[in-house]
Amino acid sequence: LIIFIGIHLVPTQVATRAGAVASLGENAYK
């Protein structure tokens, strides 16, 4: 639950998601 919900909380944090997409790329992030 911590892993599943934790990863699903990332998109709720716009800056965190944007940073992950910027460093990994959209496809790698997904």
Full PDB file with SEQRES, HELIX, SHEET, SSBOND, CRYST1, ORIGX, SCALE, CONECT and MASTER records, all heavy atoms in Angstrom:
SEQRES   1 A   30  LEU ILE ILE PHE ILE GLY ILE HIS LEU VAL PRO THR GLN          
SEQRES   2 A   30  VAL ALA THR ARG ALA GLY ALA VAL ALA SER LEU GLY GLU          
SEQRES   3 A   30  ASN ALA TYR LYS                                              
HELIX    1 AA1 ILE A    2  LEU A    9  1                                   8    
HELIX    2 AA2 VAL A   10  THR A   12  5                                   3    
HELIX    3 AA3 VAL A   14  LEU A   24  1                                  11    
HELIX    4 AA4 GLU A   26  TYR A   29  1                                   4    
CRYST1    1.000    1.000    1.000  90.00  90.00  90.00 P 1           1          
ORIGX1      1.000000  0.000000  0.000000        0.00000                         
ORIGX2      0.000000  1.000000  0.000000        0.00000                         
ORIGX3      0.000000  0.000000  1.000000        0.00000                         
SCALE1      1.000000  0.000000  0.000000        0.00000                         
SCALE2      0.000000  1.000000  0.000000        0.00000                         
SCALE3      0.000000  0.000000  1.000000        0.00000                         
ATOM      1  N   LEU A   1       0.829  -1.210   0.000  1.00  0.00           N  
ATOM      2  CA  LEU A   1       0.000   0.000   0.000  1.00  0.00           C  
ATOM      3  C   LEU A   1       0.863   1.259   0.000  1.00  0.00           C  
ATOM      4  O   LEU A   1       0.560   2.228  -0.702  1.00  0.00           O  
ATOM      5  CB  LEU A   1      -0.940   0.005   1.207  1.00  0.00           C  
ATOM      6  CG  LEU A   1      -2.132  -0.947   1.111  1.00  0.00           C  
ATOM      7  CD1 LEU A   1      -2.784  -1.136   2.472  1.00  0.00           C  
ATOM      8  CD2 LEU A   1      -3.135  -0.450   0.084  1.00  0.00           C  
ATOM      9  N   ILE A   2       1.945   1.241   0.772  1.00  0.00           N  
ATOM     10  CA  ILE A   2       2.845   2.405   0.815  1.00  0.00           C  
ATOM     11  C   ILE A   2       3.453   2.649  -0.569  1.00  0.00           C  
ATOM     12  O   ILE A   2       3.494   3.779  -1.054  1.00  0.00           O  
ATOM     13  CB  ILE A   2       3.943   2.217   1.882  1.00  0.00           C  
ATOM     14  CG1 ILE A   2       3.327   2.306   3.280  1.00  0.00           C  
ATOM     15  CG2 ILE A   2       5.062   3.243   1.702  1.00  0.00           C  
ATOM     16  CD1 ILE A   2       4.246   1.872   4.410  1.00  0.00           C  
ATOM     17  N   ILE A   3       3.904   1.582  -1.220  1.00  0.00           N  
ATOM     18  CA  ILE A   3       4.507   1.720  -2.546  1.00  0.00           C  
ATOM     19  C   ILE A   3       3.469   2.167  -3.570  1.00  0.00           C  
ATOM     20  O   ILE A   3       3.689   3.118  -4.329  1.00  0.00           O  
ATOM     21  CB  ILE A   3       5.184   0.400  -2.982  1.00  0.00           C  
ATOM     22  CG1 ILE A   3       6.402   0.118  -2.098  1.00  0.00           C  
ATOM     23  CG2 ILE A   3       5.560   0.432  -4.461  1.00  0.00           C  
ATOM     24  CD1 ILE A   3       6.984  -1.271  -2.274  1.00  0.00           C  
ATOM     25  N   PHE A   4       2.326   1.487  -3.599  1.00  0.00           N  
ATOM     26  CA  PHE A   4       1.290   1.774  -4.595  1.00  0.00           C  
ATOM     27  C   PHE A   4       0.722   3.182  -4.418  1.00  0.00           C  
ATOM     28  O   PHE A   4       0.643   3.959  -5.371  1.00  0.00           O  
ATOM     29  CB  PHE A   4       0.175   0.726  -4.507  1.00  0.00           C  
ATOM     30  CG  PHE A   4      -0.866   0.869  -5.579  1.00  0.00           C  
ATOM     31  CD1 PHE A   4      -0.655   0.328  -6.832  1.00  0.00           C  
ATOM     32  CD2 PHE A   4      -2.060   1.535  -5.336  1.00  0.00           C  
ATOM     33  CE1 PHE A   4      -1.612   0.462  -7.835  1.00  0.00           C  
ATOM     34  CE2 PHE A   4      -3.017   1.669  -6.319  1.00  0.00           C  
ATOM     35  CZ  PHE A   4      -2.797   1.133  -7.579  1.00  0.00           C  
ATOM     36  N   ILE A   5       0.330   3.511  -3.198  1.00  0.00           N  
ATOM     37  CA  ILE A   5      -0.243   4.840  -2.949  1.00  0.00           C  
ATOM     38  C   ILE A   5       0.847   5.902  -3.073  1.00  0.00           C  
ATOM     39  O   ILE A   5       0.609   6.974  -3.633  1.00  0.00           O  
ATOM     40  CB  ILE A   5      -0.946   4.884  -1.584  1.00  0.00           C  
ATOM     41  CG1 ILE A   5      -2.192   3.984  -1.610  1.00  0.00           C  
ATOM     42  CG2 ILE A   5      -1.329   6.314  -1.209  1.00  0.00           C  
ATOM     43  CD1 ILE A   5      -2.867   3.784  -0.271  1.00  0.00           C  
ATOM     44  N   GLY A   6       2.040   5.577  -2.598  1.00  0.00           N  
ATOM     45  CA  GLY A   6       3.141   6.539  -2.679  1.00  0.00           C  
ATOM     46  C   GLY A   6       3.424   6.973  -4.102  1.00  0.00           C  
ATOM     47  O   GLY A   6       3.548   8.170  -4.388  1.00  0.00           O  
ATOM     48  N   ILE A   7       3.507   6.029  -5.026  1.00  0.00           N  
ATOM     49  CA  ILE A   7       3.789   6.388  -6.418  1.00  0.00           C  
ATOM     50  C   ILE A   7       2.608   7.131  -7.026  1.00  0.00           C  
ATOM     51  O   ILE A   7       2.774   8.007  -7.872  1.00  0.00           O  
ATOM     52  CB  ILE A   7       4.199   5.158  -7.276  1.00  0.00           C  
ATOM     53  CG1 ILE A   7       4.838   5.603  -8.599  1.00  0.00           C  
ATOM     54  CG2 ILE A   7       3.015   4.255  -7.555  1.00  0.00           C  
ATOM     55  CD1 ILE A   7       6.148   6.279  -8.458  1.00  0.00           C  
ATOM     56  N   HIS A   8       1.384   6.815  -6.564  1.00  0.00           N  
ATOM     57  CA  HIS A   8       0.209   7.513  -7.075  1.00  0.00           C  
ATOM     58  C   HIS A   8       0.050   8.912  -6.471  1.00  0.00           C  
ATOM     59  O   HIS A   8      -0.774   9.698  -6.945  1.00  0.00           O  
ATOM     60  CB  HIS A   8      -1.054   6.674  -6.860  1.00  0.00           C  
ATOM     61  CG  HIS A   8      -1.212   5.609  -7.890  1.00  0.00           C  
ATOM     62  ND1 HIS A   8      -0.577   4.388  -7.792  1.00  0.00           N  
ATOM     63  CD2 HIS A   8      -1.899   5.595  -9.055  1.00  0.00           C  
ATOM     64  CE1 HIS A   8      -0.888   3.663  -8.859  1.00  0.00           C  
ATOM     65  NE2 HIS A   8      -1.678   4.368  -9.636  1.00  0.00           N  
ATOM     66  N   LEU A   9       0.831   9.215  -5.447  1.00  0.00           N  
ATOM     67  CA  LEU A   9       0.819  10.572  -4.892  1.00  0.00           C  
ATOM     68  C   LEU A   9       1.735  11.509  -5.682  1.00  0.00           C  
ATOM     69  O   LEU A   9       1.572  12.722  -5.627  1.00  0.00           O  
ATOM     70  CB  LEU A   9       1.230  10.557  -3.415  1.00  0.00           C  
ATOM     71  CG  LEU A   9       0.227   9.932  -2.452  1.00  0.00           C  
ATOM     72  CD1 LEU A   9       0.790   9.929  -1.039  1.00  0.00           C  
ATOM     73  CD2 LEU A   9      -1.115  10.633  -2.511  1.00  0.00           C  
ATOM     74  N   VAL A  10       2.676  10.950  -6.433  1.00  0.00           N  
ATOM     75  CA  VAL A  10       3.603  11.786  -7.205  1.00  0.00           C  
ATOM     76  C   VAL A  10       2.858  12.729  -8.151  1.00  0.00           C  
ATOM     77  O   VAL A  10       3.149  13.935  -8.173  1.00  0.00           O  
ATOM     78  CB  VAL A  10       4.643  10.922  -7.961  1.00  0.00           C  
ATOM     79  CG1 VAL A  10       5.464  11.764  -8.923  1.00  0.00           C  
ATOM     80  CG2 VAL A  10       5.549  10.207  -6.968  1.00  0.00           C  
ATOM     81  N   PRO A  11       1.879  12.248  -8.942  1.00  0.00           N  
ATOM     82  CA  PRO A  11       1.181  13.186  -9.836  1.00  0.00           C  
ATOM     83  C   PRO A  11       0.407  14.287  -9.104  1.00  0.00           C  
ATOM     84  O   PRO A  11       0.116  15.319  -9.703  1.00  0.00           O  
ATOM     85  CB  PRO A  11       0.214  12.290 -10.622  1.00  0.00           C  
ATOM     86  CG  PRO A  11       0.773  10.924 -10.515  1.00  0.00           C  
ATOM     87  CD  PRO A  11       1.463  10.868  -9.188  1.00  0.00           C  
ATOM     88  N   THR A  12       0.094  14.086  -7.838  1.00  0.00           N  
ATOM     89  CA  THR A  12      -0.624  15.123  -7.096  1.00  0.00           C  
ATOM     90  C   THR A  12       0.298  16.284  -6.738  1.00  0.00           C  
ATOM     91  O   THR A  12      -0.172  17.359  -6.398  1.00  0.00           O  
ATOM     92  CB  THR A  12      -1.265  14.576  -5.803  1.00  0.00           C  
ATOM     93  OG1 THR A  12      -0.242  14.224  -4.863  1.00  0.00           O  
ATOM     94  CG2 THR A  12      -2.149  13.371  -6.075  1.00  0.00           C  
ATOM     95  N   GLN A  13       1.605  16.056  -6.830  1.00  0.00           N  
ATOM     96  CA  GLN A  13       2.604  17.093  -6.568  1.00  0.00           C  
ATOM     97  C   GLN A  13       3.166  17.542  -7.915  1.00  0.00           C  
ATOM     98  O   GLN A  13       4.082  16.923  -8.462  1.00  0.00           O  
ATOM     99  CB  GLN A  13       3.707  16.557  -5.654  1.00  0.00           C  
ATOM    100  CG  GLN A  13       3.210  15.954  -4.361  1.00  0.00           C  
ATOM    101  CD  GLN A  13       2.367  16.927  -3.553  1.00  0.00           C  
ATOM    102  OE1 GLN A  13       2.778  18.053  -3.314  1.00  0.00           O  
ATOM    103  NE2 GLN A  13       1.183  16.498  -3.146  1.00  0.00           N  
ATOM    104  N   VAL A  14       2.598  18.596  -8.447  1.00  0.00           N  
ATOM    105  CA  VAL A  14       2.892  19.025  -9.809  1.00  0.00           C  
ATOM    106  C   VAL A  14       4.395  19.256 -10.026  1.00  0.00           C  
ATOM    107  O   VAL A  14       4.960  18.796 -11.023  1.00  0.00           O  
ATOM    108  CB  VAL A  14       2.084  20.300 -10.161  1.00  0.00           C  
ATOM    109  CG1 VAL A  14       2.430  20.802 -11.553  1.00  0.00           C  
ATOM    110  CG2 VAL A  14       0.596  20.026 -10.042  1.00  0.00           C  
ATOM    111  N   ALA A  15       5.047  19.933  -9.109  1.00  0.00           N  
ATOM    112  CA  ALA A  15       6.486  20.222  -9.265  1.00  0.00           C  
ATOM    113  C   ALA A  15       7.316  18.938  -9.224  1.00  0.00           C  
ATOM    114  O   ALA A  15       8.265  18.782  -9.995  1.00  0.00           O  
ATOM    115  CB  ALA A  15       6.944  21.186  -8.177  1.00  0.00           C  
ATOM    116  N   THR A  16       6.959  18.020  -8.345  1.00  0.00           N  
ATOM    117  CA  THR A  16       7.690  16.749  -8.238  1.00  0.00           C  
ATOM    118  C   THR A  16       7.555  15.951  -9.527  1.00  0.00           C  
ATOM    119  O   THR A  16       8.535  15.417 -10.052  1.00  0.00           O  
ATOM    120  CB  THR A  16       7.167  15.925  -7.045  1.00  0.00           C  
ATOM    121  OG1 THR A  16       7.299  16.713  -5.863  1.00  0.00           O  
ATOM    122  CG2 THR A  16       7.930  14.628  -6.889  1.00  0.00           C  
ATOM    123  N   ARG A  17       6.330  15.866 -10.044  1.00  0.00           N  
ATOM    124  CA  ARG A  17       6.097  15.128 -11.286  1.00  0.00           C  
ATOM    125  C   ARG A  17       6.855  15.792 -12.436  1.00  0.00           C  
ATOM    126  O   ARG A  17       7.515  15.122 -13.229  1.00  0.00           O  
ATOM    127  CB  ARG A  17       4.614  15.043 -11.625  1.00  0.00           C  
ATOM    128  CG  ARG A  17       4.359  14.212 -12.870  1.00  0.00           C  
ATOM    129  CD  ARG A  17       2.933  14.349 -13.390  1.00  0.00           C  
ATOM    130  NE  ARG A  17       2.692  13.467 -14.501  1.00  0.00           N  
ATOM    131  CZ  ARG A  17       3.096  13.690 -15.758  1.00  0.00           C  
ATOM    132  NH1 ARG A  17       3.811  14.753 -16.054  1.00  0.00           N  
ATOM    133  NH2 ARG A  17       2.812  12.834 -16.719  1.00  0.00           N  
ATOM    134  N   ALA A  18       6.768  17.108 -12.513  1.00  0.00           N  
ATOM    135  CA  ALA A  18       7.453  17.830 -13.592  1.00  0.00           C  
ATOM    136  C   ALA A  18       8.964  17.616 -13.523  1.00  0.00           C  
ATOM    137  O   ALA A  18       9.624  17.424 -14.552  1.00  0.00           O  
ATOM    138  CB  ALA A  18       7.121  19.319 -13.527  1.00  0.00           C  
ATOM    139  N   GLY A  19       9.515  17.614 -12.311  1.00  0.00           N  
ATOM    140  CA  GLY A  19      10.947  17.367 -12.143  1.00  0.00           C  
ATOM    141  C   GLY A  19      11.337  15.960 -12.576  1.00  0.00           C  
ATOM    142  O   GLY A  19      12.373  15.764 -13.221  1.00  0.00           O  
ATOM    143  N   ALA A  20      10.506  14.985 -12.233  1.00  0.00           N  
ATOM    144  CA  ALA A  20      10.778  13.601 -12.630  1.00  0.00           C  
ATOM    145  C   ALA A  20      10.705  13.446 -14.137  1.00  0.00           C  
ATOM    146  O   ALA A  20      11.555  12.776 -14.747  1.00  0.00           O  
ATOM    147  CB  ALA A  20       9.791  12.658 -11.938  1.00  0.00           C  
ATOM    148  N   VAL A  21       9.702  14.068 -14.759  1.00  0.00           N  
ATOM    149  CA  VAL A  21       9.571  13.996 -16.219  1.00  0.00           C  
ATOM    150  C   VAL A  21      10.754  14.698 -16.887  1.00  0.00           C  
ATOM    151  O   VAL A  21      11.299  14.211 -17.878  1.00  0.00           O  
ATOM    152  CB  VAL A  21       8.227  14.603 -16.687  1.00  0.00           C  
ATOM    153  CG1 VAL A  21       8.185  14.779 -18.199  1.00  0.00           C  
ATOM    154  CG2 VAL A  21       7.063  13.723 -16.223  1.00  0.00           C  
ATOM    155  N   ALA A  22      11.168  15.833 -16.333  1.00  0.00           N  
ATOM    156  CA  ALA A  22      12.296  16.580 -16.916  1.00  0.00           C  
ATOM    157  C   ALA A  22      13.591  15.776 -16.848  1.00  0.00           C  
ATOM    158  O   ALA A  22      14.394  15.795 -17.786  1.00  0.00           O  
ATOM    159  CB  ALA A  22      12.461  17.917 -16.196  1.00  0.00           C  
ATOM    160  N   SER A  23      13.814  15.074 -15.745  1.00  0.00           N  
ATOM    161  CA  SER A  23      15.076  14.333 -15.610  1.00  0.00           C  
ATOM    162  C   SER A  23      15.033  12.965 -16.287  1.00  0.00           C  
ATOM    163  O   SER A  23      16.062  12.503 -16.782  1.00  0.00           O  
ATOM    164  CB  SER A  23      15.462  14.191 -14.142  1.00  0.00           C  
ATOM    165  OG  SER A  23      14.517  13.409 -13.457  1.00  0.00           O  
ATOM    166  N   LEU A  24      13.860  12.324 -16.325  1.00  0.00           N  
ATOM    167  CA  LEU A  24      13.763  10.985 -16.907  1.00  0.00           C  
ATOM    168  C   LEU A  24      13.256  10.983 -18.342  1.00  0.00           C  
ATOM    169  O   LEU A  24      13.566  10.066 -19.102  1.00  0.00           O  
ATOM    170  CB  LEU A  24      12.818  10.112 -16.068  1.00  0.00           C  
ATOM    171  CG  LEU A  24      13.202   9.822 -14.625  1.00  0.00           C  
ATOM    172  CD1 LEU A  24      12.055   9.144 -13.894  1.00  0.00           C  
ATOM    173  CD2 LEU A  24      14.448   8.955 -14.591  1.00  0.00           C  
ATOM    174  N   GLY A  25      12.430  11.960 -18.678  1.00  0.00           N  
ATOM    175  CA  GLY A  25      11.695  11.938 -19.941  1.00  0.00           C  
ATOM    176  C   GLY A  25      10.309  11.359 -19.694  1.00  0.00           C  
ATOM    177  O   GLY A  25      10.108  10.565 -18.766  1.00  0.00           O  
ATOM    178  N   GLU A  26       9.348  11.766 -20.511  1.00  0.00           N  
ATOM    179  CA  GLU A  26       7.943  11.358 -20.305  1.00  0.00           C  
ATOM    180  C   GLU A  26       7.768   9.839 -20.328  1.00  0.00           C  
ATOM    181  O   GLU A  26       7.145   9.259 -19.449  1.00  0.00           O  
ATOM    182  CB  GLU A  26       7.052  12.009 -21.369  1.00  0.00           C  
ATOM    183  CG  GLU A  26       5.571  11.739 -21.191  1.00  0.00           C  
ATOM    184  CD  GLU A  26       4.926  12.519 -20.057  1.00  0.00           C  
ATOM    185  OE1 GLU A  26       5.389  13.629 -19.738  1.00  0.00           O  
ATOM    186  OE2 GLU A  26       3.949  12.012 -19.472  1.00  0.00           O  
ATOM    187  N   ASN A  27       8.338   9.183 -21.339  1.00  0.00           N  
ATOM    188  CA  ASN A  27       8.157   7.735 -21.462  1.00  0.00           C  
ATOM    189  C   ASN A  27       8.838   6.960 -20.335  1.00  0.00           C  
ATOM    190  O   ASN A  27       8.282   5.996 -19.807  1.00  0.00           O  
ATOM    191  CB  ASN A  27       8.644   7.242 -22.820  1.00  0.00           C  
ATOM    192  CG  ASN A  27       7.726   7.684 -23.941  1.00  0.00           C  
ATOM    193  OD1 ASN A  27       6.548   7.954 -23.724  1.00  0.00           O  
ATOM    194  ND2 ASN A  27       8.263   7.774 -25.141  1.00  0.00           N  
ATOM    195  N   ALA A  28      10.037   7.368 -19.969  1.00  0.00           N  
ATOM    196  CA  ALA A  28      10.741   6.694 -18.874  1.00  0.00           C  
ATOM    197  C   ALA A  28       9.994   6.910 -17.555  1.00  0.00           C  
ATOM    198  O   ALA A  28       9.890   5.990 -16.741  1.00  0.00           O  
ATOM    199  CB  ALA A  28      12.177   7.199 -18.765  1.00  0.00           C  
ATOM    200  N   TYR A  29       9.474   8.124 -17.351  1.00  0.00           N  
ATOM    201  CA  TYR A  29       8.681   8.393 -16.142  1.00  0.00           C  
ATOM    202  C   TYR A  29       7.468   7.473 -16.090  1.00  0.00           C  
ATOM    203  O   TYR A  29       7.190   6.848 -15.064  1.00  0.00           O  
ATOM    204  CB  TYR A  29       8.238   9.870 -16.107  1.00  0.00           C  
ATOM    205  CG  TYR A  29       7.151  10.123 -15.090  1.00  0.00           C  
ATOM    206  CD1 TYR A  29       7.463  10.248 -13.740  1.00  0.00           C  
ATOM    207  CD2 TYR A  29       5.828  10.220 -15.479  1.00  0.00           C  
ATOM    208  CE1 TYR A  29       6.457  10.461 -12.798  1.00  0.00           C  
ATOM    209  CE2 TYR A  29       4.824  10.434 -14.549  1.00  0.00           C  
ATOM    210  CZ  TYR A  29       5.139  10.553 -13.217  1.00  0.00           C  
ATOM    211  OH  TYR A  29       4.155  10.754 -12.284  1.00  0.00           O  
ATOM    212  N   LYS A  30       6.754   7.381 -17.198  1.00  0.00           N  
ATOM    213  CA  LYS A  30       5.556   6.530 -17.240  1.00  0.00           C  
ATOM    214  C   LYS A  30       5.926   5.063 -17.038  1.00  0.00           C  
ATOM    215  O   LYS A  30       5.208   4.323 -16.366  1.00  0.00           O  
ATOM    216  CB  LYS A  30       4.809   6.718 -18.564  1.00  0.00           C  
ATOM    217  CG  LYS A  30       4.079   8.035 -18.642  1.00  0.00           C  
ATOM    218  CD  LYS A  30       3.348   8.184 -19.968  1.00  0.00           C  
ATOM    219  CE  LYS A  30       2.588   9.490 -20.027  1.00  0.00           C  
ATOM    220  NZ  LYS A  30       1.881   9.673 -21.296  1.00  0.00           N  
TER     221      LYS A  30                                                      
MASTER        0    0    0    4    0    0    0    6  220    1    0    3          
END                                                                             
